[in-house]
């Protein structure tokens, strides 16, 4: 009888060992599967690292590209800049990134303001915040006209 009981104990140990190995194998396989599915998704959602492009000035186009009371968004390195031609044929340029939550602003000639559509923030034509949640004015840029070309440069 003791021989029978020792045989049953050996079978239980072997079963636990096999069961433990199968559990470990399935757990490892499931972990590998999850990693192979979620890693590409996470890497796709994470924006790539971009280094800052340093430029001192850019061309916004020729004078004929701008109508009175119109605007244009141009790229200044990695950043957008809003160039406005006012009703006095004066040019102004500001960062096109709202100081509230980094949305892109636009010129609304029907209201005569720079407007952020995200949270209805408004700036005057000097870049100062006049209503809404933006905490500070837009960053100004210098505008120069050289040989019928509008040149935008950083303010130092």
Foldseek 3Di string as FASTA:
>chain_A
DVVVVVVVVVVVVVVVVVVVVVVVVVVVVVVVVVCVVVVVVVVVPDDDDDDFDDDFKDWPFFLVVDDEQAWDWDDDGPFIKIWGQYNVRDIWIFGQAFQAHGAGWHQDSVVQWIFGPPFGWTAHRVQATDDTDGPGGTQTWDWDADPRIIMTGHDD
